[in-house]
Protein backbone atom coordinates (compact mmCIF):
# COMPACT_ATOMS: atom_id res chain seq x y z
CA UNK A 1 -0.13 -0.02 -0.13
CA UNK A 2 1.87 2.71 -1.13
CA UNK A 3 0.41 6.14 0.49
CA UNK A 4 3.82 8.46 0.36
CA UNK A 5 4.84 10.30 -2.25
CA UNK A 6 8.07 12.47 -3.07
CA UNK A 7 6.88 15.09 -0.33
CA UNK A 8 4.39 13.04 1.84
CA UNK A 9 0.94 12.37 1.51
CA UNK A 10 -1.23 14.82 -0.46
CA UNK A 11 -4.96 14.60 -2.04
CA UNK A 12 -8.09 16.84 -2.41
CA UNK A 13 -9.39 17.14 1.23
CA UNK A 14 -12.47 15.07 1.57
CA UNK A 15 -13.32 12.08 4.56
CA UNK A 16 -11.43 9.54 2.96
CA UNK A 17 -7.96 11.71 3.91
CA UNK A 18 -9.23 13.27 7.26
CA UNK A 19 -9.56 9.39 8.16
CA UNK A 20 -6.31 8.37 6.62
CA UNK A 21 -4.88 11.27 9.07
CA UNK A 22 -6.29 9.06 11.97
CA UNK A 23 -4.54 6.06 10.55
CA UNK A 24 -1.11 7.35 10.01
CA UNK A 25 -1.65 9.56 13.67
CA UNK A 26 -2.12 5.91 15.20
CA UNK A 27 0.64 4.29 13.19
CA UNK A 28 3.07 6.79 14.55
CA UNK A 29 1.99 7.28 17.63
CA UNK A 30 2.75 3.62 18.23
CA UNK A 31 6.21 4.12 17.11
CA UNK A 32 7.24 7.31 18.49
CA UNK A 33 6.27 8.23 22.36
CA UNK A 34 6.31 12.11 21.57
CA UNK A 35 5.48 14.10 19.11
CA UNK A 36 4.72 17.61 17.97
CA UNK A 37 2.15 18.49 15.40
CA UNK A 38 1.81 22.21 13.10
CA UNK A 39 -0.07 22.98 10.52
CA UNK A 40 0.01 25.90 7.38
CA UNK A 41 -3.05 28.14 6.82
CA UNK A 42 -5.41 25.93 5.08
CA UNK A 43 -9.31 26.00 5.73
CA UNK A 44 -9.41 22.02 6.50
CA UNK A 45 -6.18 22.60 8.90
CA UNK A 46 -8.01 22.24 11.93
CA UNK A 47 -9.91 18.94 10.85
CA UNK A 48 -6.58 17.48 9.77
CA UNK A 49 -4.68 18.27 12.80
CA UNK A 50 -6.88 17.18 15.02
CA UNK A 51 -7.90 13.91 13.13
CA UNK A 52 -3.81 13.25 13.52
CA UNK A 53 -3.40 14.11 17.21
CA UNK A 54 -6.48 11.70 17.94
CA UNK A 55 -4.34 9.19 16.28
CA UNK A 56 -1.17 10.18 18.12
CA UNK A 57 -2.74 9.79 21.15
CA UNK A 58 -4.65 6.75 20.56
CA UNK A 59 -1.57 4.94 19.72
CA UNK A 60 -0.32 5.87 23.50
CA UNK A 61 2.01 9.07 22.04
CA UNK A 62 2.64 12.16 24.18
CA UNK A 63 1.78 14.92 21.34
CA UNK A 64 1.95 19.08 21.37
CA UNK A 65 0.81 21.68 19.19
CA UNK A 66 2.38 23.83 17.58
CA UNK A 67 -0.47 25.15 15.87
CA UNK A 68 0.24 27.79 12.40
CA UNK A 69 3.66 27.08 12.13
CA UNK A 70 5.76 27.14 8.40
CA UNK A 71 7.35 23.76 8.02
CA UNK A 72 11.15 24.45 8.76
CA UNK A 73 9.98 26.13 11.90
CA UNK A 74 8.62 22.89 12.85
CA UNK A 75 11.42 20.89 11.59
CA UNK A 76 13.90 23.40 13.97
CA UNK A 77 11.60 22.50 17.22
CA UNK A 78 11.12 18.82 16.29
CA UNK A 79 14.54 18.36 17.42
CA UNK A 80 13.04 18.40 20.98
CA UNK A 81 10.48 15.06 20.17
CA UNK A 82 10.95 11.90 18.64
CA UNK A 83 9.40 12.56 15.25
CA UNK A 84 7.39 15.74 14.07
CA UNK A 85 3.91 15.71 11.81
CA UNK A 86 3.31 18.94 9.64
CA UNK A 87 -0.24 19.16 8.39
CA UNK A 88 0.51 20.48 5.02
CA UNK A 89 0.05 20.32 0.98
CA UNK A 90 2.93 22.99 0.31
CA UNK A 91 2.69 24.31 -2.86
CA UNK A 92 -0.58 22.16 -4.14
CA UNK A 93 -3.80 24.65 -4.42
CA UNK A 94 -6.03 25.55 -1.09
CA UNK A 95 -8.54 22.51 -1.34
CA UNK A 96 -5.99 19.89 -1.08
CA UNK A 97 -4.15 18.97 2.22
CA UNK A 98 -1.37 16.43 3.46
CA UNK A 99 1.22 15.25 5.98
CA UNK A 100 5.08 15.56 6.21
CA UNK A 101 6.73 13.42 8.84
CA UNK A 102 9.82 14.89 9.99
CA UNK A 103 12.86 13.32 12.07
CA UNK A 104 14.36 15.06 15.05
CA UNK A 105 17.00 16.62 12.53
CA UNK A 106 14.14 18.48 10.27
CA UNK A 107 15.03 16.17 7.28
CA UNK A 108 11.70 14.56 6.07
CA UNK A 109 10.83 10.88 6.19
CA UNK A 110 13.17 8.88 4.22
CA UNK A 111 11.39 5.90 2.06
CA UNK A 112 12.21 2.81 4.52
CA UNK A 113 10.53 4.97 7.41
CA UNK A 114 7.77 5.60 5.10
CA UNK A 115 7.81 2.60 4.13
CA UNK A 116 7.61 1.57 8.04
CA UNK A 117 4.16 3.76 8.64
CA UNK A 118 2.68 2.19 5.51
CA UNK A 119 3.33 -1.21 6.70
CA UNK A 120 1.73 -0.79 10.06
CA UNK A 121 -1.46 1.29 8.24
CA UNK A 122 -2.00 -1.82 6.48
CA UNK A 123 -1.63 -3.92 9.70
CA UNK A 124 -4.03 -2.05 11.22
CA UNK A 125 -3.22 -0.94 14.72
CA UNK A 126 -5.09 -1.07 17.87
CA UNK A 127 -5.42 1.82 20.25
CA UNK A 128 -3.12 1.84 23.26
CA UNK A 129 -4.90 0.41 26.27
CA UNK A 130 -6.78 3.05 28.16
CA UNK A 131 -4.32 3.38 31.24
CA UNK A 132 -1.41 3.86 28.58
CA UNK A 133 -3.26 7.30 27.17
CA UNK A 134 -1.33 10.09 27.78
CA UNK A 135 -2.37 13.78 27.59
CA UNK A 136 -2.10 16.25 24.86
CA UNK A 137 -0.80 19.63 25.03
CA UNK A 138 0.14 22.75 23.59
CA UNK A 139 3.83 23.94 22.39
CA UNK A 140 4.36 27.49 22.83
CA UNK A 141 6.93 29.91 21.17
CA UNK A 142 7.76 27.56 18.03
CA UNK A 143 8.13 30.55 15.49
CA UNK A 144 9.88 32.40 18.56
CA UNK A 145 12.79 29.84 19.00
CA UNK A 146 13.13 29.95 15.35
CA UNK A 147 13.44 33.55 14.58
CA UNK A 148 15.94 33.70 17.40
CA UNK A 149 18.10 30.98 15.81
CA UNK A 150 18.07 33.02 12.81
CA UNK A 151 18.45 36.24 14.12
CA UNK A 152 21.84 34.70 15.69
CA UNK A 153 23.06 34.24 12.48
CA UNK A 154 23.13 37.99 10.86
CA UNK A 155 23.38 41.64 12.02
CA UNK A 156 20.55 43.46 12.99
CA UNK A 157 21.27 46.84 10.36
CA UNK A 158 19.91 45.14 6.94
CA UNK A 159 19.12 48.74 5.84
CA UNK A 160 17.75 47.08 2.66
CA UNK A 161 14.07 47.43 1.28
CA UNK A 162 12.01 44.04 0.66
CA UNK A 163 8.87 42.93 -0.66
CA UNK A 164 7.58 39.99 1.22
CA UNK A 165 4.64 37.71 -0.71
CA UNK A 166 3.87 35.08 1.61
CA UNK A 167 0.86 33.88 -0.53
CA UNK A 168 -1.26 34.07 2.31
CA UNK A 169 0.63 31.06 4.07
CA UNK A 170 2.12 30.22 6.97
CA UNK A 171 5.01 32.62 6.79
CA UNK A 172 2.66 35.35 6.26
CA UNK A 173 3.03 36.26 10.52
CA UNK A 174 6.79 34.70 10.39
CA UNK A 175 9.13 36.37 7.55
CA UNK A 176 7.90 40.16 7.83
CA UNK A 177 8.98 39.96 12.05
CA UNK A 178 11.58 38.66 11.25
CA UNK A 179 13.11 41.18 8.65
CA UNK A 180 11.68 43.92 10.47
CA UNK A 181 14.29 42.62 13.36
CA UNK A 182 16.74 42.68 11.10
CA UNK A 183 16.53 45.96 10.38
CA UNK A 184 14.53 46.12 6.88
CA UNK A 185 12.10 47.92 5.72
CA UNK A 186 9.49 45.67 4.49
CA UNK A 187 6.57 46.07 2.21
CA UNK A 188 3.58 43.58 3.16
CA UNK A 189 2.19 41.80 -0.17
CA UNK A 190 -0.57 38.52 0.77
CA UNK A 191 1.05 38.46 4.08
CA UNK A 192 -2.82 38.02 5.63
CA UNK A 193 -3.14 34.02 6.74
CA UNK A 194 -6.93 33.58 5.52
CA UNK A 195 -6.31 29.64 3.82
CA UNK A 196 -8.06 31.23 0.83
CA UNK A 197 -4.42 31.55 -1.55
CA UNK A 198 -4.68 35.33 -3.18
CA UNK A 199 -1.85 33.50 -6.18
CA UNK A 200 -0.85 30.54 -7.54
CA UNK A 201 0.56 29.10 -4.44
CA UNK A 202 3.54 27.99 -5.95
CA UNK A 203 6.44 30.50 -6.13
CA UNK A 204 7.08 30.42 -10.19
CA UNK A 205 7.37 33.36 -11.94
CA UNK A 206 4.01 33.02 -13.66
CA UNK A 207 2.55 33.37 -10.20
CA UNK A 208 4.58 36.48 -8.85
CA UNK A 209 4.04 39.05 -11.60
CA UNK A 210 2.38 41.42 -8.77
CA UNK A 211 5.41 40.48 -6.69
CA UNK A 212 7.96 42.15 -9.74
CA UNK A 213 5.88 44.97 -10.20
CA UNK A 214 5.19 45.79 -6.42
CA UNK A 215 9.02 45.65 -6.43
CA UNK A 216 9.91 48.09 -9.45
CA UNK A 217 7.05 50.23 -8.20
CA UNK A 218 8.27 50.87 -4.51
CA UNK A 219 11.82 50.35 -5.68
CA UNK A 220 12.49 47.60 -3.47
CA UNK A 221 16.31 45.99 -3.19
CA UNK A 222 14.54 42.67 -3.08
CA UNK A 223 11.22 40.69 -3.53
CA UNK A 224 10.98 37.21 -2.11
CA UNK A 225 7.97 34.60 -2.19
CA UNK A 226 7.16 32.17 -0.13
CA UNK A 227 4.71 28.75 -0.99
CA UNK A 228 2.00 27.71 1.48
CA UNK A 229 4.38 26.36 4.07
CA UNK A 230 7.75 28.54 3.78
CA UNK A 231 10.04 25.30 3.08
CA UNK A 232 10.62 27.35 -0.40
CA UNK A 233 11.31 30.88 -1.20
CA UNK A 234 11.81 32.27 -4.55
CA UNK A 235 12.89 35.53 -5.53
CA UNK A 236 12.83 38.56 -7.21
CA UNK A 237 16.14 41.37 -7.78
CA UNK A 238 16.24 45.24 -7.50
CA UNK A 239 15.16 45.50 -11.17
CA UNK A 240 12.21 43.76 -11.32
CA UNK A 241 13.38 40.14 -12.62
CA UNK A 242 12.11 37.30 -11.39
CA UNK A 243 15.69 35.00 -10.87
CA UNK A 244 15.41 31.57 -11.76
CA UNK A 245 16.04 28.48 -9.30
CA UNK A 246 19.41 27.80 -10.99
CA UNK A 247 20.93 30.92 -10.58
CA UNK A 248 19.69 31.67 -7.04
CA UNK A 249 21.36 28.42 -6.06
CA UNK A 250 24.59 29.68 -6.99
CA UNK A 251 24.09 32.97 -5.30
CA UNK A 252 22.90 31.68 -1.76
CA UNK A 253 25.80 29.23 -2.24
CA UNK A 254 28.58 31.56 -2.95
CA UNK A 255 26.88 34.13 -0.21
CA UNK A 256 27.12 31.06 2.51
CA UNK A 257 30.46 29.95 1.84
CA UNK A 258 29.74 26.72 0.63
CA UNK A 259 32.97 24.70 -0.65
CA UNK A 260 30.52 21.67 -1.14
CA UNK A 261 26.88 21.94 -2.56
CA UNK A 262 24.49 19.53 -2.93
CA UNK A 263 21.45 19.63 -5.31
CA UNK A 264 19.30 17.57 -7.85
CA UNK A 265 20.58 16.04 -10.97
CA UNK A 266 17.96 19.00 -13.19
CA UNK A 267 20.03 21.99 -11.89
CA UNK A 268 21.95 23.68 -14.07
CA UNK A 269 25.56 22.45 -14.81
CA UNK A 270 26.90 26.39 -14.11
CA UNK A 271 26.89 25.42 -10.56
CA UNK A 272 29.79 23.20 -11.51
CA UNK A 273 31.29 26.15 -13.48
CA UNK A 274 31.32 28.57 -10.66
CA UNK A 275 34.00 26.49 -8.76
CA UNK A 276 32.06 24.56 -6.08
CA UNK A 277 32.34 20.46 -5.41
CA UNK A 278 28.79 19.37 -6.49
CA UNK A 279 27.21 16.04 -5.53
CA UNK A 280 23.92 15.29 -7.16
CA UNK A 281 20.98 14.01 -6.05
CA UNK A 282 17.41 12.29 -7.38
CA UNK A 283 14.45 14.88 -7.75
CA UNK A 284 13.24 15.88 -4.32
CA UNK A 285 14.84 17.93 -1.24
CA UNK A 286 14.12 14.30 1.16
CA UNK A 287 17.37 13.41 -1.13
CA UNK A 288 19.38 16.28 -0.85
CA UNK A 289 18.79 15.98 2.59
CA UNK A 290 19.56 12.63 3.31
CA UNK A 291 22.66 13.21 1.29
CA UNK A 292 23.41 16.14 3.35
CA UNK A 293 24.08 13.68 6.33
CA UNK A 294 27.14 12.56 4.23
CA UNK A 295 28.69 16.06 4.59
CA UNK A 296 28.08 19.54 2.77
CA UNK A 297 27.68 22.85 3.43
CA UNK A 298 24.46 23.77 1.39
CA UNK A 299 21.88 22.04 -0.25
CA UNK A 300 19.23 23.11 -2.77
CA UNK A 301 16.49 22.47 -5.28
CA UNK A 302 15.67 24.92 -7.85
CA UNK A 303 11.92 24.74 -7.21
CA UNK A 304 12.84 27.18 -4.14
CA UNK A 305 13.83 24.74 -1.44
CA UNK A 306 17.36 25.55 0.37
CA UNK A 307 18.81 23.39 3.07
CA UNK A 308 21.18 25.09 5.81
CA UNK A 309 22.83 21.98 7.39
CA UNK A 310 23.48 24.01 10.32
CA UNK A 311 20.47 25.09 11.06
CA UNK A 312 18.28 21.67 10.29
CA UNK A 313 17.98 19.66 6.93
CA UNK A 314 14.84 20.68 6.16
CA UNK A 315 14.39 23.38 3.14
CA UNK A 316 14.13 26.84 5.38
CA UNK A 317 12.42 29.58 3.33
CA UNK A 318 12.64 31.58 6.58
CA UNK A 319 15.93 31.62 7.28
CA UNK A 320 16.73 32.08 3.02
CA UNK A 321 15.01 35.28 3.52
CA UNK A 322 17.59 36.51 6.25
CA UNK A 323 20.21 34.98 4.02
CA UNK A 324 18.64 37.05 1.04
CA UNK A 325 18.25 40.53 2.59
CA UNK A 326 21.97 39.89 3.99
CA UNK A 327 22.52 39.47 0.66
CA UNK A 328 21.16 42.47 -0.80
CA UNK A 329 22.37 44.61 1.71
CA UNK A 330 25.87 44.07 0.76
CA UNK A 331 25.49 43.82 -2.93
CA UNK A 332 23.25 44.99 -5.67
CA UNK A 333 21.39 42.19 -6.39
CA UNK A 334 20.83 41.94 -9.88
CA UNK A 335 24.45 42.24 -10.60
CA UNK A 336 25.33 38.90 -8.68
CA UNK A 337 22.40 37.68 -10.47
CA UNK A 338 23.93 38.29 -14.04
CA UNK A 339 27.64 37.34 -12.79
CA UNK A 340 25.71 33.14 -12.63
CA UNK A 341 26.69 31.86 -16.09
CA UNK A 342 22.86 31.06 -18.04
CA UNK A 343 22.47 28.32 -20.18
CA UNK A 344 19.51 27.92 -22.52
CA UNK A 345 17.51 25.35 -20.34
CA UNK A 346 14.30 23.69 -20.99
CA UNK A 347 11.67 22.58 -18.26
CA UNK A 348 8.17 20.96 -19.15
CA UNK A 349 6.27 18.43 -18.63
CA UNK A 350 3.82 15.43 -20.69
CA UNK A 351 0.55 14.20 -19.79
CA UNK A 352 1.19 10.71 -20.02
CA UNK A 353 2.10 7.22 -17.92
CA UNK A 354 5.18 7.00 -16.28
CA UNK A 355 5.39 3.22 -18.22
CA UNK A 356 6.47 4.89 -21.21
CA UNK A 357 9.70 5.58 -19.58
CA UNK A 358 10.87 1.76 -20.33
CA UNK A 359 10.21 3.09 -24.06
CA UNK A 360 12.19 5.47 -24.33
CA UNK A 361 16.15 5.02 -24.63
CA UNK A 362 16.21 3.57 -28.01
CA UNK A 363 14.06 6.52 -29.08
CA UNK A 364 16.57 9.00 -28.22
CA UNK A 365 19.64 7.28 -29.15
CA UNK A 366 19.62 9.68 -32.39
CA UNK A 367 20.59 12.65 -30.22
CA UNK A 368 24.22 11.72 -30.17
CA UNK A 369 26.66 9.85 -28.05
CA UNK A 370 25.81 10.17 -23.93
CA UNK A 371 26.82 9.20 -20.63
CA UNK A 372 23.52 7.30 -19.65
CA UNK A 373 22.34 7.39 -16.07
CA UNK A 374 19.25 5.78 -14.86
CA UNK A 375 19.48 7.47 -11.02
CA UNK A 376 16.21 8.88 -11.35
CA UNK A 377 14.23 8.57 -14.52
CA UNK A 378 16.80 8.52 -17.44
CA UNK A 379 19.62 11.27 -17.84
CA UNK A 380 21.37 11.55 -21.03
CA UNK A 381 25.10 13.88 -20.63
CA UNK A 382 25.92 14.91 -23.77
CA UNK A 383 29.70 16.93 -24.22
CA UNK A 384 27.78 19.76 -25.04
CA UNK A 385 24.68 19.86 -22.82
CA UNK A 386 22.12 17.04 -21.30
CA UNK A 387 18.11 15.48 -20.69
CA UNK A 388 16.75 14.30 -17.88
CA UNK A 389 13.10 12.35 -18.16
CA UNK A 390 11.47 11.26 -15.41
CA UNK A 391 7.91 10.56 -13.92
CA UNK A 392 6.11 12.61 -11.64
CA UNK A 393 6.24 12.34 -8.03
CA UNK A 394 3.24 13.64 -7.55
CA UNK A 395 1.41 13.78 -10.69
CA UNK A 396 0.42 11.58 -13.87
CA UNK A 397 2.87 13.32 -15.83
CA UNK A 398 6.58 12.91 -17.47
CA UNK A 399 8.92 15.69 -16.43
CA UNK A 400 11.62 16.61 -19.07
CA UNK A 401 14.71 18.73 -18.53
CA UNK A 402 17.15 19.82 -21.43
CA UNK A 403 19.98 22.23 -21.14
CA UNK A 404 22.59 23.07 -23.64
CA UNK A 405 25.67 25.59 -24.68
CA UNK A 406 23.46 27.22 -27.27
CA UNK A 407 19.45 27.25 -27.63
CA UNK A 408 19.32 25.72 -31.05
CA UNK A 409 20.88 22.67 -29.07
CA UNK A 410 19.06 22.61 -25.86
CA UNK A 411 15.59 23.20 -28.56
CA UNK A 412 16.76 20.17 -30.33
CA UNK A 413 17.30 17.92 -27.15
CA UNK A 414 13.96 18.61 -25.65
CA UNK A 415 11.91 18.93 -29.16
CA UNK A 416 13.16 15.38 -29.97
CA UNK A 417 12.72 13.75 -26.45
CA UNK A 418 9.25 15.08 -26.88
CA UNK A 419 8.48 13.09 -29.68
CA UNK A 420 10.24 10.40 -27.99
CA UNK A 421 7.93 10.37 -25.39
CA UNK A 422 5.19 10.73 -27.48
CA UNK A 423 5.86 7.99 -29.95
CA UNK A 424 6.17 5.73 -26.88
CA UNK A 425 3.10 6.54 -25.24
CA UNK A 426 1.20 6.41 -28.52
CA UNK A 427 -0.23 9.85 -27.86
CA UNK A 428 -0.12 13.23 -29.36
CA UNK A 429 0.69 14.08 -25.53
CA UNK A 430 0.56 17.39 -23.65
CA UNK A 431 2.86 19.44 -22.80
CA UNK A 432 2.73 21.93 -19.92
């Protein structure tokens, strides 16, 4: 019984998800005696949270309710517990909700631990005897603890103007006061946590046009945006330009003085050319976190998940906000961004069944001699670029990425791969 995707459990909120929340809590409570629970701002958060807490208590665990908290905030305080449960669907639309399970080091449960919970649920665990049921409680001050830890790493005189777009999510009342404590002038955008997201909650260029405009109109030095639970951060420079995740990865890695960087297979080849020692993982911040256990100064995924291992192994959009403010206080952000090498890079997806992956390799031989990797889907490295084709971990799609030193070569790799996918699927496909 497979319940967990690449980023925990996510589904449209309904009675089945609510029932699953109780069963996850029960299975977790049988294995972990002291658990902290937090939520993002979604309207279904209270129903989901209480279902999980009921399961945890029924399993015999102690449980502390941290209330509305960003995921990295909950991850930070999970070090005081055996496990953490974040009720969130991250960057999914507001009708979704989900469950992310956290280790004391802030990382998400990996595949092995997810299987343990799935196996426990499938076995139908019984509730603990009445005499072993423990009381629930409230965890006070999670946000304050997280902010205090971040403040310890930065000066309090960051005289920059920052537009913060929290998307109505869990960082709405966290990032603005943090930046103000650091000396920033903050312009708040979408910082009312209603649970009805006022923009597309994933911090993509298409969803952040208002932020780009607000940075230009206000003469700000920086714009930052979070997703629903603030484990992601994307940014806009002082010219009002959205900064791609590939360039932001390089800017942040350089700012923290990283020598060893852990990132995913689909990040730009520019990161190696900037002199970092780079280790690459499967797609997904969980894999980046796991690899950082083996060492590394900084980790990131170009979707906006930035991991600072000195804080925790959870992607921390709140810490990243402070780091971006510090960067903008010392340099004109647009100049730093333009100094990062950039190559033509195309990303997209096709509505197709993942079964076509097994038929693809032979259809891509026409692209030239390549080093082939099956670490995550199919990656082909050529002398002048690369392409990656992999099934989505959250949707019935195949995702494709191509990068090359010229626009023509990147387009050739992308278009020919799209044709091969469509041919393998036996359909015209649909690119998103």
